[in-house]
Amino acid sequence: MQPLAPPDSGQYPQGKTGLARLLHTLLYARDGFLTALRYDAAFRQLLALHGLLILTAFCVNLDAAERALLLALSLVSLVVELLNAALEAVVDRISLEIHPLSKNAKGMGSAAQSMALLTVAAVWTVVLWG
């Protein structure tokens, strides 16, 4: 086992390397996904929406590049929602007190998701009717 980095080294004291680190990364990712699925209604709604969009992308006559673009956009929107949920969790962990900076952080996370969804809508529109 690799020794932990000193606190002032600027390195993270992960302690795991190689396949053990990869395995733990995958386990943490699974746990994060399941947490979002369990506790974040917006993530569940977006998962349902993008599930339908992904199925639709395979039912509509598209070329491979168009289909890949639509699938990638759905995944990007889900990633943005996971990051937004993580940001909200961190803000709430710091304090539940109403504070302008907390409001700004949460608002910017929501704005990022709104931009992602507008991008999804715009690209679907262009691909289907462009």
Protein backbone atom coordinates (compact mmCIF):
# COMPACT_ATOMS: atom_id res chain seq x y z
CA MET A 1 0.00 0.00 0.00
CA GLN A 2 1.23 3.45 -0.92
CA PRO A 3 1.86 5.82 2.01
CA LEU A 4 -0.53 8.74 2.37
CA ALA A 5 0.68 12.08 1.09
CA PRO A 6 1.59 14.70 3.69
CA PRO A 7 -1.23 17.23 4.28
CA ASP A 8 0.69 20.14 2.73
CA SER A 9 1.80 18.26 -0.41
CA GLY A 10 -1.22 19.25 -2.50
CA GLN A 11 -1.92 15.58 -3.23
CA TYR A 12 -5.07 13.74 -2.23
CA PRO A 13 -4.51 11.01 0.38
CA GLN A 14 -6.36 8.30 -1.53
CA GLY A 15 -4.21 5.38 -0.54
CA LYS A 16 -5.45 3.15 -3.38
CA THR A 17 -3.75 2.63 -6.73
CA GLY A 18 -4.24 0.58 -9.87
CA LEU A 19 -7.21 -1.76 -10.12
CA ALA A 20 -8.24 -1.22 -6.49
CA ARG A 21 -8.60 2.50 -7.16
CA LEU A 22 -10.58 1.86 -10.35
CA LEU A 23 -12.88 -0.57 -8.53
CA HIS A 24 -13.51 1.89 -5.70
CA THR A 25 -14.15 4.67 -8.23
CA LEU A 26 -16.79 2.51 -9.90
CA LEU A 27 -18.36 1.69 -6.53
CA TYR A 28 -18.50 5.37 -5.57
CA ALA A 29 -20.05 6.18 -8.94
CA ARG A 30 -22.68 3.48 -8.43
CA ASP A 31 -23.44 4.82 -4.97
CA GLY A 32 -23.77 8.37 -6.32
CA PHE A 33 -26.09 7.24 -9.10
CA LEU A 34 -28.28 5.30 -6.67
CA THR A 35 -28.38 8.25 -4.27
CA ALA A 36 -29.54 10.55 -7.08
CA LEU A 37 -32.11 7.99 -8.14
CA ARG A 38 -33.43 7.63 -4.59
CA TYR A 39 -33.43 11.22 -3.38
CA ASP A 40 -33.45 13.58 -6.37
CA ALA A 41 -36.85 13.92 -8.05
CA ALA A 42 -35.42 16.11 -10.81
CA PHE A 43 -32.88 13.40 -11.70
CA ARG A 44 -35.62 10.77 -11.85
CA GLN A 45 -37.74 13.01 -14.10
CA LEU A 46 -34.81 13.70 -16.41
CA LEU A 47 -33.90 10.02 -16.48
CA ALA A 48 -37.44 9.22 -17.62
CA LEU A 49 -37.41 12.04 -20.20
CA HIS A 50 -34.04 11.05 -21.61
CA GLY A 51 -34.99 7.39 -21.56
CA LEU A 52 -37.90 8.26 -23.86
CA LEU A 53 -35.68 10.45 -26.03
CA ILE A 54 -33.09 7.69 -26.35
CA LEU A 55 -35.77 5.18 -27.36
CA THR A 56 -37.15 7.71 -29.84
CA ALA A 57 -33.68 8.24 -31.32
CA PHE A 58 -33.64 4.54 -32.23
CA CYS A 59 -37.18 4.59 -33.66
CA VAL A 60 -36.72 7.58 -35.94
CA ASN A 61 -34.90 7.31 -39.26
CA LEU A 62 -31.59 9.04 -38.51
CA ASP A 63 -28.06 8.55 -39.67
CA ALA A 64 -25.45 7.32 -37.19
CA ALA A 65 -23.95 10.76 -36.53
CA GLU A 66 -27.34 12.33 -35.77
CA ARG A 67 -28.29 9.45 -33.48
CA ALA A 68 -24.92 9.64 -31.68
CA LEU A 69 -25.37 13.39 -31.17
CA LEU A 70 -28.84 12.97 -29.68
CA LEU A 71 -27.69 10.16 -27.39
CA ALA A 72 -24.66 12.17 -26.24
CA LEU A 73 -26.82 15.21 -25.47
CA SER A 74 -29.13 13.13 -23.31
CA LEU A 75 -26.17 11.79 -21.36
CA VAL A 76 -24.69 15.29 -21.00
CA SER A 77 -27.96 16.58 -19.58
CA LEU A 78 -27.97 13.77 -17.02
CA VAL A 79 -24.36 14.57 -16.11
CA VAL A 80 -25.27 18.23 -15.63
CA GLU A 81 -28.14 17.23 -13.33
CA LEU A 82 -25.83 15.00 -11.26
CA LEU A 83 -23.38 17.88 -10.90
CA ASN A 84 -26.23 20.26 -10.02
CA ALA A 85 -27.48 17.84 -7.34
CA ALA A 86 -23.95 17.49 -5.96
CA LEU A 87 -23.56 21.27 -5.82
CA GLU A 88 -26.87 21.60 -3.97
CA ALA A 89 -25.85 18.88 -1.51
CA VAL A 90 -22.56 20.64 -0.76
CA VAL A 91 -24.28 23.99 -0.28
CA ASP A 92 -26.83 22.39 2.06
CA ARG A 93 -24.05 20.55 3.93
CA ILE A 94 -22.28 23.83 4.60
CA SER A 95 -25.41 25.53 5.92
CA LEU A 96 -29.17 25.47 5.54
CA GLU A 97 -29.20 29.17 6.39
CA ILE A 98 -30.54 31.35 3.60
CA HIS A 99 -27.57 33.20 2.16
CA PRO A 100 -27.16 35.12 -1.13
CA LEU A 101 -24.07 33.12 -2.14
CA SER A 102 -25.89 29.84 -1.52
CA LYS A 103 -28.80 31.11 -3.60
CA ASN A 104 -26.41 32.14 -6.36
CA ALA A 105 -24.68 28.74 -6.40
CA LYS A 106 -27.96 26.83 -6.54
CA GLY A 107 -29.35 29.19 -9.15
CA MET A 108 -26.30 28.79 -11.38
CA GLY A 109 -26.57 25.00 -11.12
CA SER A 110 -30.21 25.23 -12.19
CA ALA A 111 -29.28 27.60 -15.00
CA ALA A 112 -26.69 25.08 -16.24
CA GLN A 113 -29.36 22.38 -16.37
CA SER A 114 -31.77 24.73 -18.13
CA MET A 115 -29.11 25.49 -20.74
CA ALA A 116 -28.48 21.77 -21.21
CA LEU A 117 -32.20 21.13 -21.74
CA LEU A 118 -32.52 24.05 -24.16
CA THR A 119 -29.59 22.58 -26.10
CA VAL A 120 -31.31 19.17 -26.18
CA ALA A 121 -34.52 20.77 -27.47
CA ALA A 122 -32.71 22.88 -30.07
CA VAL A 123 -30.67 19.97 -31.43
CA TRP A 124 -33.68 17.63 -31.56
CA THR A 125 -35.57 20.33 -33.46
CA VAL A 126 -32.75 20.83 -35.96
CA VAL A 127 -32.20 17.10 -36.46
CA LEU A 128 -35.88 16.31 -36.95
CA TRP A 129 -37.02 19.37 -38.90
CA GLY A 130 -33.78 21.09 -39.92
